[in-house]
PDB file of all heavy atoms in Angstrom:
ATOM      1  N   HIS A   1      18.992  12.429  -1.736  1.00  0.00           N
ATOM      2  CA  HIS A   1      17.715  13.078  -2.026  1.00  0.00           C
ATOM      3  C   HIS A   1      16.933  13.493  -0.780  1.00  0.00           C
ATOM      4  O   HIS A   1      15.850  14.073  -0.915  1.00  0.00           O
ATOM      5  CB  HIS A   1      16.834  12.146  -2.871  1.00  0.00           C
ATOM      6  CG  HIS A   1      17.456  11.708  -4.152  1.00  0.00           C
ATOM      7  ND1 HIS A   1      17.701  12.577  -5.197  1.00  0.00           N
ATOM      8  CD2 HIS A   1      17.905  10.490  -4.561  1.00  0.00           C
ATOM      9  CE1 HIS A   1      18.256  11.917  -6.206  1.00  0.00           C
ATOM     10  NE2 HIS A   1      18.393  10.649  -5.836  1.00  0.00           N
ATOM     11  N   ARG A   2      17.453  13.184   0.410  1.00  0.00           N
ATOM     12  CA  ARG A   2      16.738  13.480   1.654  1.00  0.00           C
ATOM     13  C   ARG A   2      15.341  12.849   1.631  1.00  0.00           C
ATOM     14  O   ARG A   2      14.338  13.451   2.007  1.00  0.00           O
ATOM     15  CB  ARG A   2      16.634  14.991   1.900  1.00  0.00           C
ATOM     16  CG  ARG A   2      17.970  15.699   2.016  1.00  0.00           C
ATOM     17  CD  ARG A   2      18.767  15.194   3.204  1.00  0.00           C
ATOM     18  NE  ARG A   2      18.087  15.472   4.483  1.00  0.00           N
ATOM     19  CZ  ARG A   2      18.449  14.947   5.655  1.00  0.00           C
ATOM     20  NH1 ARG A   2      19.449  14.086   5.712  1.00  0.00           N
ATOM     21  NH2 ARG A   2      17.789  15.261   6.747  1.00  0.00           N
ATOM     22  N   LEU A   3      15.311  11.595   1.168  1.00  0.00           N
ATOM     23  CA  LEU A   3      14.083  10.812   1.121  1.00  0.00           C
ATOM     24  C   LEU A   3      14.294   9.519   1.904  1.00  0.00           C
ATOM     25  O   LEU A   3      15.439   9.057   2.065  1.00  0.00           O
ATOM     26  CB  LEU A   3      13.720  10.463  -0.330  1.00  0.00           C
ATOM     27  CG  LEU A   3      13.245  11.611  -1.220  1.00  0.00           C
ATOM     28  CD1 LEU A   3      13.187  11.142  -2.678  1.00  0.00           C
ATOM     29  CD2 LEU A   3      11.877  12.100  -0.771  1.00  0.00           C
ATOM     30  N   PRO A   4      13.223   8.883   2.372  1.00  0.00           N
ATOM     31  CA  PRO A   4      13.383   7.598   3.057  1.00  0.00           C
ATOM     32  C   PRO A   4      13.981   6.547   2.125  1.00  0.00           C
ATOM     33  O   PRO A   4      13.712   6.550   0.912  1.00  0.00           O
ATOM     34  CB  PRO A   4      11.953   7.222   3.450  1.00  0.00           C
ATOM     35  CG  PRO A   4      11.188   8.493   3.435  1.00  0.00           C
ATOM     36  CD  PRO A   4      11.820   9.348   2.373  1.00  0.00           C
ATOM     37  N   ARG A   5      14.768   5.657   2.705  1.00  0.00           N
ATOM     38  CA  ARG A   5      15.338   4.550   1.919  1.00  0.00           C
ATOM     39  C   ARG A   5      14.226   3.692   1.325  1.00  0.00           C
ATOM     40  O   ARG A   5      14.272   3.308   0.167  1.00  0.00           O
ATOM     41  CB  ARG A   5      16.241   3.696   2.820  1.00  0.00           C
ATOM     42  CG  ARG A   5      16.871   2.504   2.115  1.00  0.00           C
ATOM     43  CD  ARG A   5      17.603   1.599   3.094  1.00  0.00           C
ATOM     44  NE  ARG A   5      18.169   0.445   2.424  1.00  0.00           N
ATOM     45  CZ  ARG A   5      19.411   0.351   1.969  1.00  0.00           C
ATOM     46  NH1 ARG A   5      20.242   1.367   2.125  1.00  0.00           N
ATOM     47  NH2 ARG A   5      19.847  -0.738   1.368  1.00  0.00           N
ATOM     48  N   ALA A   6      13.208   3.397   2.138  1.00  0.00           N
ATOM     49  CA  ALA A   6      12.111   2.534   1.692  1.00  0.00           C
ATOM     50  C   ALA A   6      10.839   3.344   1.502  1.00  0.00           C
ATOM     51  O   ALA A   6      10.550   4.266   2.268  1.00  0.00           O
ATOM     52  CB  ALA A   6      11.862   1.417   2.696  1.00  0.00           C
ATOM     53  N   SER A   7      10.076   3.001   0.478  1.00  0.00           N
ATOM     54  CA  SER A   7       8.765   3.609   0.251  1.00  0.00           C
ATOM     55  C   SER A   7       7.867   2.550  -0.366  1.00  0.00           C
ATOM     56  O   SER A   7       8.329   1.704  -1.131  1.00  0.00           O
ATOM     57  CB  SER A   7       8.865   4.830  -0.667  1.00  0.00           C
ATOM     58  OG  SER A   7       9.486   4.472  -1.899  1.00  0.00           O
ATOM     59  N   ALA A   8       6.589   2.601  -0.022  1.00  0.00           N
ATOM     60  CA  ALA A   8       5.711   1.520  -0.466  1.00  0.00           C
ATOM     61  C   ALA A   8       4.275   1.991  -0.615  1.00  0.00           C
ATOM     62  O   ALA A   8       3.850   2.959   0.025  1.00  0.00           O
ATOM     63  CB  ALA A   8       5.754   0.362   0.540  1.00  0.00           C
ATOM     64  N   VAL A   9       3.551   1.291  -1.448  1.00  0.00           N
ATOM     65  CA  VAL A   9       2.090   1.419  -1.514  1.00  0.00           C
ATOM     66  C   VAL A   9       1.504   0.014  -1.393  1.00  0.00           C
ATOM     67  O   VAL A   9       2.130  -0.982  -1.788  1.00  0.00           O
ATOM     68  CB  VAL A   9       1.588   2.085  -2.811  1.00  0.00           C
ATOM     69  CG1 VAL A   9       1.966   3.545  -2.853  1.00  0.00           C
ATOM     70  CG2 VAL A   9       2.106   1.349  -4.038  1.00  0.00           C
ATOM     71  N   ILE A  10       0.303  -0.056  -0.822  1.00  0.00           N
ATOM     72  CA  ILE A  10      -0.436  -1.312  -0.724  1.00  0.00           C
ATOM     73  C   ILE A  10      -1.793  -1.110  -1.374  1.00  0.00           C
ATOM     74  O   ILE A  10      -2.457  -0.089  -1.140  1.00  0.00           O
ATOM     75  CB  ILE A  10      -0.600  -1.750   0.746  1.00  0.00           C
ATOM     76  CG1 ILE A  10       0.759  -2.091   1.352  1.00  0.00           C
ATOM     77  CG2 ILE A  10      -1.551  -2.956   0.850  1.00  0.00           C
ATOM     78  CD1 ILE A  10       0.716  -2.405   2.832  1.00  0.00           C
ATOM     79  N   ALA A  11      -2.187  -2.055  -2.205  1.00  0.00           N
ATOM     80  CA  ALA A  11      -3.520  -2.055  -2.810  1.00  0.00           C
ATOM     81  C   ALA A  11      -4.293  -3.247  -2.269  1.00  0.00           C
ATOM     82  O   ALA A  11      -3.765  -4.367  -2.225  1.00  0.00           O
ATOM     83  CB  ALA A  11      -3.423  -2.136  -4.331  1.00  0.00           C
ATOM     84  N   LEU A  12      -5.518  -3.013  -1.815  1.00  0.00           N
ATOM     85  CA  LEU A  12      -6.414  -4.076  -1.359  1.00  0.00           C
ATOM     86  C   LEU A  12      -7.538  -4.256  -2.360  1.00  0.00           C
ATOM     87  O   LEU A  12      -7.997  -3.280  -2.976  1.00  0.00           O
ATOM     88  CB  LEU A  12      -7.018  -3.734   0.007  1.00  0.00           C
ATOM     89  CG  LEU A  12      -6.080  -3.651   1.206  1.00  0.00           C
ATOM     90  CD1 LEU A  12      -6.864  -3.247   2.458  1.00  0.00           C
ATOM     91  CD2 LEU A  12      -5.360  -4.978   1.436  1.00  0.00           C
ATOM     92  N   ASN A  13      -7.984  -5.496  -2.486  1.00  0.00           N
ATOM     93  CA  ASN A  13      -9.126  -5.825  -3.337  1.00  0.00           C
ATOM     94  C   ASN A  13     -10.230  -6.430  -2.483  1.00  0.00           C
ATOM     95  O   ASN A  13      -9.962  -7.032  -1.442  1.00  0.00           O
ATOM     96  CB  ASN A  13      -8.721  -6.820  -4.422  1.00  0.00           C
ATOM     97  CG  ASN A  13      -7.687  -6.262  -5.371  1.00  0.00           C
ATOM     98  OD1 ASN A  13      -6.547  -6.043  -4.989  1.00  0.00           O
ATOM     99  ND2 ASN A  13      -8.061  -6.030  -6.601  1.00  0.00           N
ATOM    100  N   ASP A  14     -11.454  -6.270  -2.937  1.00  0.00           N
ATOM    101  CA  ASP A  14     -12.562  -6.925  -2.255  1.00  0.00           C
ATOM    102  C   ASP A  14     -12.353  -8.443  -2.355  1.00  0.00           C
ATOM    103  O   ASP A  14     -12.124  -8.964  -3.447  1.00  0.00           O
ATOM    104  CB  ASP A  14     -13.881  -6.525  -2.919  1.00  0.00           C
ATOM    105  CG  ASP A  14     -15.081  -7.118  -2.222  1.00  0.00           C
ATOM    106  OD1 ASP A  14     -15.347  -8.325  -2.433  1.00  0.00           O
ATOM    107  OD2 ASP A  14     -15.765  -6.394  -1.482  1.00  0.00           O
ATOM    108  N   PRO A  15     -12.414  -9.168  -1.235  1.00  0.00           N
ATOM    109  CA  PRO A  15     -12.101 -10.602  -1.286  1.00  0.00           C
ATOM    110  C   PRO A  15     -13.100 -11.426  -2.085  1.00  0.00           C
ATOM    111  O   PRO A  15     -12.780 -12.548  -2.494  1.00  0.00           O
ATOM    112  CB  PRO A  15     -12.103 -11.021   0.189  1.00  0.00           C
ATOM    113  CG  PRO A  15     -12.899  -9.979   0.890  1.00  0.00           C
ATOM    114  CD  PRO A  15     -12.682  -8.704   0.137  1.00  0.00           C
ATOM    115  N   GLU A  16     -14.295 -10.903  -2.345  1.00  0.00           N
ATOM    116  CA  GLU A  16     -15.282 -11.652  -3.137  1.00  0.00           C
ATOM    117  C   GLU A  16     -15.280 -11.221  -4.592  1.00  0.00           C
ATOM    118  O   GLU A  16     -15.120 -12.039  -5.499  1.00  0.00           O
ATOM    119  CB  GLU A  16     -16.683 -11.477  -2.549  1.00  0.00           C
ATOM    120  CG  GLU A  16     -17.740 -12.257  -3.327  1.00  0.00           C
ATOM    121  CD  GLU A  16     -19.130 -12.126  -2.728  1.00  0.00           C
ATOM    122  OE1 GLU A  16     -19.257 -11.555  -1.632  1.00  0.00           O
ATOM    123  OE2 GLU A  16     -20.088 -12.591  -3.374  1.00  0.00           O
ATOM    124  N   THR A  17     -15.427  -9.913  -4.850  1.00  0.00           N
ATOM    125  CA  THR A  17     -15.509  -9.445  -6.233  1.00  0.00           C
ATOM    126  C   THR A  17     -14.138  -9.247  -6.865  1.00  0.00           C
ATOM    127  O   THR A  17     -14.015  -9.174  -8.082  1.00  0.00           O
ATOM    128  CB  THR A  17     -16.257  -8.106  -6.308  1.00  0.00           C
ATOM    129  OG1 THR A  17     -15.464  -7.077  -5.655  1.00  0.00           O
ATOM    130  CG2 THR A  17     -17.613  -8.196  -5.629  1.00  0.00           C
ATOM    131  N   LEU A  18     -13.118  -9.089  -6.014  1.00  0.00           N
ATOM    132  CA  LEU A  18     -11.738  -8.814  -6.430  1.00  0.00           C
ATOM    133  C   LEU A  18     -11.565  -7.426  -7.035  1.00  0.00           C
ATOM    134  O   LEU A  18     -10.515  -7.113  -7.604  1.00  0.00           O
ATOM    135  CB  LEU A  18     -11.212  -9.898  -7.382  1.00  0.00           C
ATOM    136  CG  LEU A  18     -11.306 -11.346  -6.876  1.00  0.00           C
ATOM    137  CD1 LEU A  18     -10.647 -12.290  -7.864  1.00  0.00           C
ATOM    138  CD2 LEU A  18     -10.702 -11.486  -5.489  1.00  0.00           C
ATOM    139  N   VAL A  19     -12.574  -6.568  -6.905  1.00  0.00           N
ATOM    140  CA  VAL A  19     -12.467  -5.181  -7.351  1.00  0.00           C
ATOM    141  C   VAL A  19     -11.591  -4.411  -6.362  1.00  0.00           C
ATOM    142  O   VAL A  19     -11.694  -4.604  -5.149  1.00  0.00           O
ATOM    143  CB  VAL A  19     -13.870  -4.544  -7.439  1.00  0.00           C
ATOM    144  CG1 VAL A  19     -13.787  -3.037  -7.680  1.00  0.00           C
ATOM    145  CG2 VAL A  19     -14.683  -5.217  -8.537  1.00  0.00           C
ATOM    146  N   PRO A  20     -10.707  -3.523  -6.829  1.00  0.00           N
ATOM    147  CA  PRO A  20      -9.894  -2.730  -5.905  1.00  0.00           C
ATOM    148  C   PRO A  20     -10.764  -1.894  -4.958  1.00  0.00           C
ATOM    149  O   PRO A  20     -11.758  -1.294  -5.379  1.00  0.00           O
ATOM    150  CB  PRO A  20      -9.083  -1.828  -6.836  1.00  0.00           C
ATOM    151  CG  PRO A  20      -9.039  -2.561  -8.136  1.00  0.00           C
ATOM    152  CD  PRO A  20     -10.356  -3.259  -8.246  1.00  0.00           C
ATOM    153  N   ILE A  21     -10.395  -1.872  -3.674  1.00  0.00           N
ATOM    154  CA  ILE A  21     -11.160  -1.105  -2.690  1.00  0.00           C
ATOM    155  C   ILE A  21     -10.314  -0.086  -1.937  1.00  0.00           C
ATOM    156  O   ILE A  21     -10.855   0.842  -1.336  1.00  0.00           O
ATOM    157  CB  ILE A  21     -11.861  -2.025  -1.669  1.00  0.00           C
ATOM    158  CG1 ILE A  21     -10.848  -2.966  -0.998  1.00  0.00           C
ATOM    159  CG2 ILE A  21     -12.980  -2.810  -2.347  1.00  0.00           C
ATOM    160  CD1 ILE A  21     -11.431  -3.784   0.132  1.00  0.00           C
ATOM    161  N   ALA A  22      -8.983  -0.240  -1.938  1.00  0.00           N
ATOM    162  CA  ALA A  22      -8.149   0.703  -1.181  1.00  0.00           C
ATOM    163  C   ALA A  22      -6.749   0.773  -1.760  1.00  0.00           C
ATOM    164  O   ALA A  22      -6.223  -0.220  -2.263  1.00  0.00           O
ATOM    165  CB  ALA A  22      -8.078   0.297   0.289  1.00  0.00           C
ATOM    166  N   ILE A  23      -6.191   1.965  -1.700  1.00  0.00           N
ATOM    167  CA  ILE A  23      -4.777   2.200  -1.995  1.00  0.00           C
ATOM    168  C   ILE A  23      -4.239   3.032  -0.852  1.00  0.00           C
ATOM    169  O   ILE A  23      -4.836   4.053  -0.478  1.00  0.00           O
ATOM    170  CB  ILE A  23      -4.580   2.945  -3.328  1.00  0.00           C
ATOM    171  CG1 ILE A  23      -5.141   2.122  -4.493  1.00  0.00           C
ATOM    172  CG2 ILE A  23      -3.103   3.255  -3.564  1.00  0.00           C
ATOM    173  CD1 ILE A  23      -5.161   2.869  -5.813  1.00  0.00           C
ATOM    174  N   MET A  24      -3.133   2.597  -0.269  1.00  0.00           N
ATOM    175  CA  MET A  24      -2.634   3.309   0.912  1.00  0.00           C
ATOM    176  C   MET A  24      -1.111   3.296   0.965  1.00  0.00           C
ATOM    177  O   MET A  24      -0.459   2.470   0.320  1.00  0.00           O
ATOM    178  CB  MET A  24      -3.188   2.669   2.188  1.00  0.00           C
ATOM    179  CG  MET A  24      -2.690   1.269   2.476  1.00  0.00           C
ATOM    180  SD  MET A  24      -3.560   0.496   3.874  1.00  0.00           S
ATOM    181  CE  MET A  24      -5.120   0.063   3.080  1.00  0.00           C
ATOM    182  N   ASP A  25      -0.589   4.235   1.743  1.00  0.00           N
ATOM    183  CA  ASP A  25       0.840   4.202   2.044  1.00  0.00           C
ATOM    184  C   ASP A  25       1.152   2.864   2.699  1.00  0.00           C
ATOM    185  O   ASP A  25       0.463   2.423   3.629  1.00  0.00           O
ATOM    186  CB  ASP A  25       1.206   5.338   2.994  1.00  0.00           C
ATOM    187  CG  ASP A  25       2.625   5.209   3.503  1.00  0.00           C
ATOM    188  OD1 ASP A  25       3.553   5.504   2.742  1.00  0.00           O
ATOM    189  OD2 ASP A  25       2.803   4.764   4.666  1.00  0.00           O
ATOM    190  N   GLY A  26       2.219   2.215   2.218  1.00  0.00           N
ATOM    191  CA  GLY A  26       2.605   0.933   2.790  1.00  0.00           C
ATOM    192  C   GLY A  26       3.885   0.970   3.581  1.00  0.00           C
ATOM    193  O   GLY A  26       4.290  -0.040   4.158  1.00  0.00           O
ATOM    194  N   THR A  27       4.543   2.120   3.640  1.00  0.00           N
ATOM    195  CA  THR A  27       5.840   2.208   4.309  1.00  0.00           C
ATOM    196  C   THR A  27       5.706   1.942   5.800  1.00  0.00           C
ATOM    197  O   THR A  27       6.461   1.149   6.385  1.00  0.00           O
ATOM    198  CB  THR A  27       6.458   3.590   4.062  1.00  0.00           C
ATOM    199  OG1 THR A  27       6.414   3.894   2.671  1.00  0.00           O
ATOM    200  CG2 THR A  27       7.893   3.639   4.545  1.00  0.00           C
ATOM    201  N   VAL A  28       4.742   2.595   6.434  1.00  0.00           N
ATOM    202  CA  VAL A  28       4.551   2.422   7.870  1.00  0.00           C
ATOM    203  C   VAL A  28       4.032   1.019   8.177  1.00  0.00           C
ATOM    204  O   VAL A  28       4.473   0.373   9.144  1.00  0.00           O
ATOM    205  CB  VAL A  28       3.594   3.495   8.420  1.00  0.00           C
ATOM    206  CG1 VAL A  28       3.223   3.219   9.867  1.00  0.00           C
ATOM    207  CG2 VAL A  28       4.240   4.875   8.304  1.00  0.00           C
ATOM    208  N   ILE A  29       3.102   0.532   7.377  1.00  0.00           N
ATOM    209  CA  ILE A  29       2.566  -0.819   7.592  1.00  0.00           C
ATOM    210  C   ILE A  29       3.678  -1.855   7.471  1.00  0.00           C
ATOM    211  O   ILE A  29       3.771  -2.790   8.275  1.00  0.00           O
ATOM    212  CB  ILE A  29       1.429  -1.107   6.606  1.00  0.00           C
ATOM    213  CG1 ILE A  29       0.183  -0.311   7.007  1.00  0.00           C
ATOM    214  CG2 ILE A  29       1.122  -2.607   6.528  1.00  0.00           C
ATOM    215  CD1 ILE A  29      -0.951  -0.370   6.018  1.00  0.00           C
ATOM    216  N   SER A  30       4.548  -1.688   6.483  1.00  0.00           N
ATOM    217  CA  SER A  30       5.651  -2.628   6.288  1.00  0.00           C
ATOM    218  C   SER A  30       6.567  -2.650   7.517  1.00  0.00           C
ATOM    219  O   SER A  30       6.953  -3.721   8.006  1.00  0.00           O
ATOM    220  CB  SER A  30       6.437  -2.252   5.040  1.00  0.00           C
ATOM    221  OG  SER A  30       7.424  -3.220   4.754  1.00  0.00           O
ATOM    222  N   ALA A  31       6.917  -1.480   8.020  1.00  0.00           N
ATOM    223  CA  ALA A  31       7.783  -1.410   9.198  1.00  0.00           C
ATOM    224  C   ALA A  31       7.077  -1.964  10.428  1.00  0.00           C
ATOM    225  O   ALA A  31       7.667  -2.686  11.238  1.00  0.00           O
ATOM    226  CB  ALA A  31       8.211   0.027   9.437  1.00  0.00           C
TER     227      ALA A  31
END
């Protein structure tokens, strides 16, 4: 498919309210 072997997303939550605050590409962070 000419796509990367690995692909990822990361979701962060507020540490107090636990409400979602961010969604981001996780492939680069993982590597």
